[in-house]
């Protein structure tokens, strides 16, 4: 089916339901990125080592997402090809996520073990969760659909950082779990809160149940297949060779650019909570609002960014966004000395910091929302999971190298250096995206193209 006579409207309901999978990730990720570095800092004094551990957890994503995505491409069951992986891995992920603060109270070794298994199952779930949408939604509407899904992720991020994180500083006594605010004498962070993690774990399980109950993957996926679904299913190595060796290099350039912009993002993300506590003087529950500002913007502008790209083009939207992000991260680098020189109050200082992060979120979601569909547009139905896996391969490679590098830079040059490094990476990504020529709505898949 071409879908040229139809609109996105019939697909909004199913897209929102598919977005429940993104909701689970969006709920856990900002809490993890905000508080796990704080947990680790109670045992470790060098930010470079903390960053290395935060990067190593992305190694699971680098290994597992392409593998599980490819496996799900080939899986055929009565409940679909993605759903069997989702309904097993997400509930186990919720279990280990709920265990994080308890592990942080026991020992560094136990904390690392829980981080290990949490990321093992979370990253195994991520590829099939993401691949659900392009299985079902026609190519010309994937920017809009990806905007809807990113909105769900943004709503989850808001729920985690603006609502649940505020409970980090709250102490109540729960049956079976006891006090939710527990002292940690002698640590860089003197107490550990458990409530946000317990509630998040329950919400992840509920979202998984709803996803399974309302998404009829098998029939929906078949209804969206066009002629590309009849093609031979290439193996992973053949698909990689196709992208790396193709005469037309747009897919390769997109992957290189997203490596750089995710290095910028992942180089800042693990430190934003510590930066708020140690540099801006915020409490841990309030410090998570820094990531919350990005999440609010993410939720508000994910759908509009897809609509804008549908009108003016995905590549143009991404390049404009990268140019603005280059400037915003430079302003974040200058924020503290400038506000200090102007003699602004403590409250106004961190409010301005949050405003910059909100603006960052507006343009960051424009990049994320439209880059994925550009790759999907180059894929066939049969190898859609391969392209999904490659996207996460490069993004998680950034997650491996960036935290350790920026952690070491923090040790050498201070906390603000992460923003300057991000600005340089965003600019490099902007330059590389100028070389991309394919991936707009209506372009033919790479495997189908005979003329370039």
Protein backbone atom coordinates (compact mmCIF):
# COMPACT_ATOMS: atom_id res chain seq x y z
CA UNK A 1 0.00 0.00 0.00
CA UNK A 2 1.29 3.43 -0.84
CA UNK A 3 -0.66 5.43 1.70
CA UNK A 4 -0.52 8.48 -0.58
CA UNK A 5 -4.30 9.01 -0.40
CA UNK A 6 -4.46 8.65 3.36
CA UNK A 7 -3.38 10.76 6.30
CA UNK A 8 -1.66 10.02 9.58
CA UNK A 9 -4.98 10.24 11.45
CA UNK A 10 -5.91 6.50 11.32
CA UNK A 11 -2.52 5.59 12.79
CA UNK A 12 -2.47 7.90 15.83
CA UNK A 13 -4.23 5.49 18.17
CA UNK A 14 -1.98 2.51 17.46
CA UNK A 15 1.08 4.76 17.54
CA UNK A 16 0.21 6.05 21.01
CA UNK A 17 -0.23 2.48 22.22
CA UNK A 18 3.10 1.44 20.71
CA UNK A 19 4.53 4.46 22.52
CA UNK A 20 3.93 2.66 25.83
CA UNK A 21 7.14 0.80 25.10
CA UNK A 22 8.96 4.11 24.80
CA UNK A 23 7.21 5.23 27.96
CA UNK A 24 9.00 2.50 29.92
CA UNK A 25 12.39 3.59 28.60
CA UNK A 26 11.64 7.27 29.04
CA UNK A 27 10.63 6.64 32.64
CA UNK A 28 13.75 4.72 33.64
CA UNK A 29 16.50 6.41 31.65
CA UNK A 30 16.52 9.93 33.20
CA UNK A 31 16.26 8.56 36.74
CA UNK A 32 19.06 6.14 36.01
CA UNK A 33 21.27 8.82 34.45
CA UNK A 34 20.60 11.28 37.27
CA UNK A 35 21.00 9.06 40.33
CA UNK A 36 23.32 6.19 39.42
CA UNK A 37 26.32 8.58 39.12
CA UNK A 38 25.36 9.88 42.58
CA UNK A 39 25.23 6.32 43.90
CA UNK A 40 28.61 5.53 42.38
CA UNK A 41 30.12 8.76 43.72
CA UNK A 42 29.54 7.48 47.25
CA UNK A 43 32.14 4.80 46.55
CA UNK A 44 34.35 6.41 43.89
CA UNK A 45 36.08 9.80 43.96
CA UNK A 46 37.24 10.09 40.34
CA UNK A 47 34.66 11.23 37.82
CA UNK A 48 36.60 9.54 35.03
CA UNK A 49 36.04 6.15 36.67
CA UNK A 50 32.36 6.89 37.32
CA UNK A 51 32.01 7.88 33.68
CA UNK A 52 33.72 4.69 32.59
CA UNK A 53 31.19 2.61 34.54
CA UNK A 54 28.31 4.65 33.16
CA UNK A 55 29.70 4.08 29.67
CA UNK A 56 30.26 0.38 30.14
CA UNK A 57 26.56 -0.21 30.74
CA UNK A 58 26.01 0.97 27.16
CA UNK A 59 28.22 -1.88 26.01
CA UNK A 60 25.21 -4.14 26.50
CA UNK A 61 23.23 -1.95 24.14
CA UNK A 62 26.02 -2.04 21.58
CA UNK A 63 26.08 -5.84 21.64
CA UNK A 64 22.45 -6.72 22.28
CA UNK A 65 20.33 -4.25 20.31
CA UNK A 66 21.57 -5.24 16.82
CA UNK A 67 21.47 -8.94 17.74
CA UNK A 68 18.00 -8.94 19.30
CA UNK A 69 16.62 -6.66 16.57
CA UNK A 70 17.89 -9.06 13.91
CA UNK A 71 16.53 -12.05 15.80
CA UNK A 72 13.13 -10.40 16.08
CA UNK A 73 13.18 -9.75 12.32
CA UNK A 74 13.28 -13.51 11.85
CA UNK A 75 10.94 -14.47 14.71
CA UNK A 76 7.43 -15.67 13.85
CA UNK A 77 5.01 -16.46 16.70
CA UNK A 78 1.22 -16.21 17.20
CA UNK A 79 1.74 -12.93 19.11
CA UNK A 80 4.11 -11.41 16.56
CA UNK A 81 7.85 -11.10 16.06
CA UNK A 82 8.67 -8.28 18.52
CA UNK A 83 6.22 -8.97 21.35
CA UNK A 84 7.79 -12.20 22.71
CA UNK A 85 11.00 -10.30 23.50
CA UNK A 86 9.16 -7.33 24.98
CA UNK A 87 6.92 -9.20 27.43
CA UNK A 88 9.87 -11.16 28.85
CA UNK A 89 12.57 -8.51 29.09
CA UNK A 90 10.65 -5.45 30.29
CA UNK A 91 9.23 -6.96 33.52
CA UNK A 92 12.67 -8.33 34.45
CA UNK A 93 14.11 -4.89 33.73
CA UNK A 94 11.57 -3.38 36.13
CA UNK A 95 12.67 -5.79 38.86
CA UNK A 96 16.34 -4.79 38.65
CA UNK A 97 15.48 -1.11 38.32
CA UNK A 98 13.59 -1.27 41.60
CA UNK A 99 16.63 -2.90 43.20
CA UNK A 100 19.07 -0.07 42.32
CA UNK A 101 18.86 2.06 45.52
CA UNK A 102 19.00 -1.00 47.76
CA UNK A 103 22.11 -2.18 45.96
CA UNK A 104 23.66 1.27 46.36
CA UNK A 105 23.19 0.99 50.10
CA UNK A 106 25.02 -2.34 50.33
CA UNK A 107 28.27 -2.21 48.36
CA UNK A 108 29.91 -1.09 45.14
CA UNK A 109 30.13 -4.69 43.96
CA UNK A 110 26.44 -5.39 44.45
CA UNK A 111 25.53 -2.10 42.79
CA UNK A 112 27.59 -3.00 39.71
CA UNK A 113 25.97 -6.45 39.57
CA UNK A 114 22.48 -4.90 39.57
CA UNK A 115 23.57 -2.36 36.93
CA UNK A 116 24.87 -5.28 34.86
CA UNK A 117 21.60 -7.23 34.84
CA UNK A 118 19.42 -4.12 34.56
CA UNK A 119 21.14 -3.09 31.36
CA UNK A 120 21.30 -6.64 30.04
CA UNK A 121 17.51 -6.92 29.99
CA UNK A 122 16.71 -3.27 29.27
CA UNK A 123 18.87 -3.16 26.17
CA UNK A 124 17.56 -6.52 24.99
CA UNK A 125 14.08 -4.98 25.08
CA UNK A 126 14.95 -1.71 23.36
CA UNK A 127 15.41 -2.89 19.77
CA UNK A 128 12.10 -4.80 19.51
CA UNK A 129 10.27 -1.93 21.24
CA UNK A 130 11.54 0.59 18.70
CA UNK A 131 11.04 -1.71 15.69
CA UNK A 132 7.31 -2.07 16.42
CA UNK A 133 6.46 1.33 14.96
CA UNK A 134 8.03 1.04 11.48
CA UNK A 135 6.54 -2.45 11.20
CA UNK A 136 3.08 -0.90 11.37
CA UNK A 137 3.26 2.72 10.13
CA UNK A 138 3.82 3.50 6.40
CA UNK A 139 7.08 5.23 5.57
CA UNK A 140 5.63 8.62 4.64
CA UNK A 141 4.09 9.04 8.11
CA UNK A 142 7.00 7.83 10.24
CA UNK A 143 8.27 11.29 11.17
CA UNK A 144 4.85 12.14 12.59
CA UNK A 145 4.55 8.72 14.22
CA UNK A 146 8.05 8.98 15.65
CA UNK A 147 7.03 12.36 17.05
CA UNK A 148 4.07 10.73 18.80
CA UNK A 149 6.29 8.00 20.22
CA UNK A 150 8.89 10.51 21.37
CA UNK A 151 6.08 12.45 23.03
CA UNK A 152 5.31 9.34 25.05
CA UNK A 153 8.97 9.11 25.99
CA UNK A 154 8.92 12.78 26.92
CA UNK A 155 5.82 12.34 29.07
CA UNK A 156 7.57 9.47 30.81
CA UNK A 157 10.67 11.60 31.35
CA UNK A 158 8.50 14.32 32.86
CA UNK A 159 6.79 11.75 35.08
CA UNK A 160 10.17 10.48 36.23
CA UNK A 161 12.05 13.73 36.71
CA UNK A 162 9.34 16.25 37.63
CA UNK A 163 6.99 14.00 39.61
CA UNK A 164 8.76 10.86 40.84
CA UNK A 165 12.18 12.43 41.42
CA UNK A 166 10.57 14.92 43.78
CA UNK A 167 9.80 11.91 45.97
CA UNK A 168 13.50 11.09 46.26
CA UNK A 169 13.79 13.33 49.34
CA UNK A 170 10.56 12.00 50.91
CA UNK A 171 10.74 9.54 53.79
CA UNK A 172 7.77 7.26 54.40
CA UNK A 173 7.57 3.70 55.70
CA UNK A 174 6.28 1.12 53.24
CA UNK A 175 5.21 -2.44 54.08
CA UNK A 176 7.97 -4.90 53.14
CA UNK A 177 10.30 -2.09 52.02
CA UNK A 178 10.64 0.00 55.18
CA UNK A 179 11.87 3.61 55.09
CA UNK A 180 12.20 5.21 51.66
CA UNK A 181 14.95 7.67 52.65
CA UNK A 182 18.04 6.00 54.07
CA UNK A 183 21.22 7.73 55.32
CA UNK A 184 24.58 6.96 53.73
CA UNK A 185 27.18 8.30 56.19
CA UNK A 186 30.44 9.50 54.71
CA UNK A 187 29.27 9.60 51.08
CA UNK A 188 29.36 12.52 48.67
CA UNK A 189 25.57 12.20 48.81
CA UNK A 190 24.51 11.68 52.42
CA UNK A 191 21.25 9.81 51.79
CA UNK A 192 19.61 7.55 49.20
CA UNK A 193 15.94 7.67 48.23
CA UNK A 194 14.11 4.55 47.06
CA UNK A 195 10.56 5.70 46.32
CA UNK A 196 11.00 6.88 42.69
CA UNK A 197 12.57 3.56 41.73
CA UNK A 198 9.87 1.43 43.32
CA UNK A 199 7.03 3.38 41.69
CA UNK A 200 8.81 3.38 38.32
CA UNK A 201 9.19 -0.39 38.43
CA UNK A 202 5.44 -0.80 38.95
CA UNK A 203 4.64 1.60 36.09
CA UNK A 204 6.96 -0.28 33.71
CA UNK A 205 5.14 -3.54 34.44
CA UNK A 206 1.74 -1.89 33.90
CA UNK A 207 2.86 -0.34 30.62
CA UNK A 208 4.10 -3.73 29.42
CA UNK A 209 0.74 -5.33 30.21
CA UNK A 210 -1.10 -2.61 28.27
CA UNK A 211 1.25 -2.90 25.32
CA UNK A 212 0.65 -6.63 25.11
CA UNK A 213 -3.10 -6.27 25.59
CA UNK A 214 -3.77 -3.66 22.90
CA UNK A 215 -1.14 -4.09 20.15
CA UNK A 216 -2.05 -6.80 17.67
CA UNK A 217 1.34 -6.87 16.08
CA UNK A 218 0.98 -9.67 13.55
CA UNK A 219 -2.06 -8.41 11.66
CA UNK A 220 -1.11 -4.74 11.95
CA UNK A 221 2.37 -5.33 10.64
CA UNK A 222 1.11 -7.28 7.68
CA UNK A 223 -1.38 -4.55 6.77
CA UNK A 224 1.43 -1.99 6.44
CA UNK A 225 3.72 -4.05 4.23
CA UNK A 226 4.21 -2.88 0.71
CA UNK A 227 6.15 -4.54 -2.07
CA UNK A 228 9.36 -4.36 -0.07
CA UNK A 229 8.00 -6.97 2.30
CA UNK A 230 8.35 -9.60 -0.42
CA UNK A 231 12.10 -9.15 -0.77
CA UNK A 232 14.73 -11.51 0.50
CA UNK A 233 15.71 -10.89 4.11
CA UNK A 234 19.43 -10.02 4.12
CA UNK A 235 21.58 -11.16 7.06
CA UNK A 236 23.18 -8.65 9.41
CA UNK A 237 26.66 -8.72 7.84
CA UNK A 238 25.23 -8.26 4.37
CA UNK A 239 23.24 -5.23 5.53
CA UNK A 240 26.30 -3.69 7.17
CA UNK A 241 28.30 -4.27 3.99
CA UNK A 242 25.48 -2.72 1.96
CA UNK A 243 25.61 0.48 4.00
CA UNK A 244 29.38 0.77 4.34
CA UNK A 245 30.12 -0.20 0.74
CA UNK A 246 27.26 1.55 -1.04
CA UNK A 247 28.13 4.12 -3.69
CA UNK A 248 25.54 6.46 -2.15
CA UNK A 249 26.82 7.21 1.37
CA UNK A 250 23.82 8.93 2.97
CA UNK A 251 23.15 6.13 5.47
CA UNK A 252 26.80 6.10 6.52
CA UNK A 253 26.85 9.90 6.94
CA UNK A 254 23.70 9.81 9.09
CA UNK A 255 25.28 7.16 11.30
CA UNK A 256 28.48 9.19 11.70
CA UNK A 257 26.54 12.36 12.46
CA UNK A 258 24.35 10.65 15.05
CA UNK A 259 27.48 9.20 16.67
CA UNK A 260 28.71 12.77 17.18
CA UNK A 261 25.45 14.23 18.43
CA UNK A 262 24.98 11.34 20.84
CA UNK A 263 28.57 11.79 22.07
CA UNK A 264 27.55 15.38 22.83
CA UNK A 265 24.34 14.31 24.57
CA UNK A 266 25.71 11.30 26.43
CA UNK A 267 28.75 13.29 27.48
CA UNK A 268 26.50 15.71 29.39
CA UNK A 269 23.65 13.46 30.53
CA UNK A 270 25.33 11.42 33.32
CA UNK A 271 26.70 14.54 34.97
CA UNK A 272 23.68 16.83 34.92
CA UNK A 273 22.40 15.64 38.31
CA UNK A 274 25.81 15.88 40.00
CA UNK A 275 26.33 19.28 38.36
CA UNK A 276 23.07 20.51 39.87
CA UNK A 277 23.91 19.19 43.36
CA UNK A 278 27.61 20.09 43.54
CA UNK A 279 27.78 23.16 41.30
CA UNK A 280 24.35 24.81 41.56
CA UNK A 281 23.61 23.75 45.15
CA UNK A 282 20.37 21.84 44.45
CA UNK A 283 18.93 18.95 46.47
CA UNK A 284 18.96 15.54 44.71
CA UNK A 285 15.19 15.53 44.20
CA UNK A 286 15.33 19.00 42.65
CA UNK A 287 18.47 18.33 40.62
CA UNK A 288 16.56 15.83 38.47
CA UNK A 289 14.45 18.73 37.18
CA UNK A 290 17.40 19.65 34.97
CA UNK A 291 16.75 16.53 32.93
CA UNK A 292 13.04 17.22 33.42
CA UNK A 293 13.34 20.48 31.47
CA UNK A 294 14.60 18.51 28.49
CA UNK A 295 11.77 15.99 28.97
CA UNK A 296 9.08 18.68 29.07
CA UNK A 297 10.34 20.19 25.82
CA UNK A 298 10.62 16.68 24.38
CA UNK A 299 6.96 15.98 25.08
CA UNK A 300 5.69 19.35 23.86
CA UNK A 301 7.65 19.52 20.61
CA UNK A 302 8.10 15.90 19.48
CA UNK A 303 4.92 15.86 17.37
CA UNK A 304 5.40 19.40 15.96
CA UNK A 305 8.98 18.55 14.97
CA UNK A 306 7.72 15.63 12.90
CA UNK A 307 5.05 17.78 11.28
CA UNK A 308 7.58 20.51 10.46
CA UNK A 309 9.94 17.97 8.92
CA UNK A 310 7.09 16.58 6.83
CA UNK A 311 6.71 20.04 5.31
CA UNK A 312 10.26 21.37 5.02
CA UNK A 313 12.27 18.15 4.94
CA UNK A 314 13.95 15.96 7.55
CA UNK A 315 17.52 16.88 6.63
CA UNK A 316 16.89 20.62 6.74
CA UNK A 317 15.12 20.31 10.10
CA UNK A 318 17.97 18.29 11.60
CA UNK A 319 20.68 20.66 10.37
CA UNK A 320 18.89 23.74 11.71
CA UNK A 321 18.43 21.99 15.05
CA UNK A 322 22.10 21.02 15.24
CA UNK A 323 23.14 24.61 14.55
CA UNK A 324 20.96 25.87 17.41
CA UNK A 325 22.19 23.08 19.73
CA UNK A 326 25.77 24.13 19.03
CA UNK A 327 24.95 27.61 20.30
CA UNK A 328 22.90 26.44 23.28
CA UNK A 329 25.60 24.12 24.62
CA UNK A 330 28.09 26.98 24.30
CA UNK A 331 25.72 29.16 26.33
CA UNK A 332 25.49 26.41 28.97
CA UNK A 333 29.27 26.48 29.19
CA UNK A 334 29.22 30.27 29.72
CA UNK A 335 26.15 30.27 31.98
CA UNK A 336 27.81 29.99 35.41
CA UNK A 337 30.60 32.61 35.01
CA UNK A 338 28.25 35.07 33.30
CA UNK A 339 25.50 34.78 35.92
CA UNK A 340 28.17 35.05 38.63
CA UNK A 341 29.66 38.17 37.05
CA UNK A 342 26.21 39.73 36.84
CA UNK A 343 25.59 38.97 40.53
CA UNK A 344 22.35 37.08 39.90
CA UNK A 345 20.66 35.31 42.79
CA UNK A 346 20.99 31.57 43.34
CA UNK A 347 17.37 31.01 42.33
CA UNK A 348 17.63 33.02 39.12
CA UNK A 349 20.90 31.28 38.27
CA UNK A 350 19.43 27.78 38.22
CA UNK A 351 16.18 28.99 36.61
CA UNK A 352 18.20 30.37 33.69
CA UNK A 353 20.06 27.07 33.56
CA UNK A 354 16.74 25.23 33.28
CA UNK A 355 15.55 27.61 30.55
CA UNK A 356 18.61 26.80 28.47
CA UNK A 357 17.99 23.08 28.99
CA UNK A 358 14.35 23.50 27.96
CA UNK A 359 15.46 25.17 24.73
CA UNK A 360 17.99 22.38 24.27
CA UNK A 361 15.16 19.84 24.52
CA UNK A 362 13.12 21.57 21.80
CA UNK A 363 15.85 21.20 19.22
CA UNK A 364 17.20 17.89 20.51
CA UNK A 365 13.84 16.20 19.95
CA UNK A 366 13.81 17.59 16.40
CA UNK A 367 17.07 15.77 15.73
CA UNK A 368 15.98 12.49 17.33
CA UNK A 369 12.47 12.50 15.87
CA UNK A 370 13.62 12.92 12.29
CA UNK A 371 16.93 11.05 12.13
CA UNK A 372 15.39 7.65 12.83
CA UNK A 373 12.84 7.95 9.97
CA UNK A 374 15.65 8.93 7.60
CA UNK A 375 17.30 5.57 8.21
CA UNK A 376 14.00 3.69 8.14
CA UNK A 377 13.26 5.26 4.77
CA UNK A 378 16.35 3.52 3.39
CA UNK A 379 15.24 0.11 4.72
CA UNK A 380 12.88 -2.54 3.45
CA UNK A 381 10.23 -4.13 5.67
CA UNK A 382 12.32 -7.26 6.02
CA UNK A 383 15.49 -5.55 7.23
CA UNK A 384 13.84 -2.78 9.26
CA UNK A 385 15.18 -4.27 12.48
CA UNK A 386 18.70 -4.23 11.04
CA UNK A 387 18.56 -0.47 10.52
CA UNK A 388 17.06 -0.08 13.98
CA UNK A 389 19.96 -2.08 15.35
CA UNK A 390 22.53 0.02 13.47
CA UNK A 391 20.98 3.22 14.82
CA UNK A 392 21.38 1.93 18.35
CA UNK A 393 24.81 0.49 17.59
CA UNK A 394 26.16 3.95 16.84
CA UNK A 395 24.15 5.77 19.53
CA UNK A 396 25.23 3.32 22.21
CA UNK A 397 28.82 3.43 20.99
CA UNK A 398 28.59 7.12 21.86
CA UNK A 399 27.18 6.15 25.24
CA UNK A 400 30.21 3.94 25.87
CA UNK A 401 32.93 6.44 25.05
CA UNK A 402 31.35 9.78 26.00
CA UNK A 403 30.84 9.51 29.81
CA UNK A 404 34.38 8.32 30.43
CA UNK A 405 35.86 11.06 28.26
CA UNK A 406 33.81 13.86 29.81
CA UNK A 407 34.36 12.40 33.28
CA UNK A 408 38.11 12.61 32.73
CA UNK A 409 37.68 16.13 31.35
CA UNK A 410 35.79 17.05 34.53
CA UNK A 411 38.67 15.76 36.62
CA UNK A 412 41.13 17.83 34.59
CA UNK A 413 39.22 21.03 33.78
CA UNK A 414 36.18 21.20 36.06
CA UNK A 415 32.47 20.52 35.73
CA UNK A 416 31.63 23.06 33.00
CA UNK A 417 33.89 21.53 30.34
CA UNK A 418 31.21 18.98 29.39
CA UNK A 419 29.16 21.70 27.71
CA UNK A 420 32.06 22.99 25.60
CA UNK A 421 32.84 19.46 24.43
CA UNK A 422 29.17 19.00 23.51
CA UNK A 423 29.16 22.20 21.48
CA UNK A 424 32.11 21.04 19.38
CA UNK A 425 30.48 17.66 18.69
CA UNK A 426 27.16 19.23 17.69
CA UNK A 427 28.95 21.47 15.20
CA UNK A 428 30.80 18.51 13.66
CA UNK A 429 27.49 16.63 13.29
CA UNK A 430 26.00 19.70 11.58
CA UNK A 431 28.80 19.64 9.01
CA UNK A 432 28.46 15.91 8.28
CA UNK A 433 24.67 16.10 7.89
CA UNK A 434 25.32 18.51 5.03
CA UNK A 435 26.59 15.50 3.04
CA UNK A 436 23.34 13.50 3.38
CA UNK A 437 21.24 13.27 0.22
CA UNK A 438 18.70 10.51 0.95
CA UNK A 439 16.13 9.61 3.61
CA UNK A 440 13.29 12.01 2.84
CA UNK A 441 9.69 10.78 2.63
CA UNK A 442 9.17 9.09 -0.73
CA UNK A 443 12.80 8.06 -1.25
CA UNK A 444 13.35 4.44 -2.24
CA UNK A 445 14.94 1.92 0.16
CA UNK A 446 18.66 1.40 -0.32
CA UNK A 447 18.17 -2.26 -1.17
CA UNK A 448 15.69 -1.34 -3.91
CA UNK A 449 17.62 1.44 -5.54
CA UNK A 450 19.21 0.80 -8.85
CA UNK A 451 20.14 4.35 -9.70
CA UNK A 452 21.79 6.97 -7.56
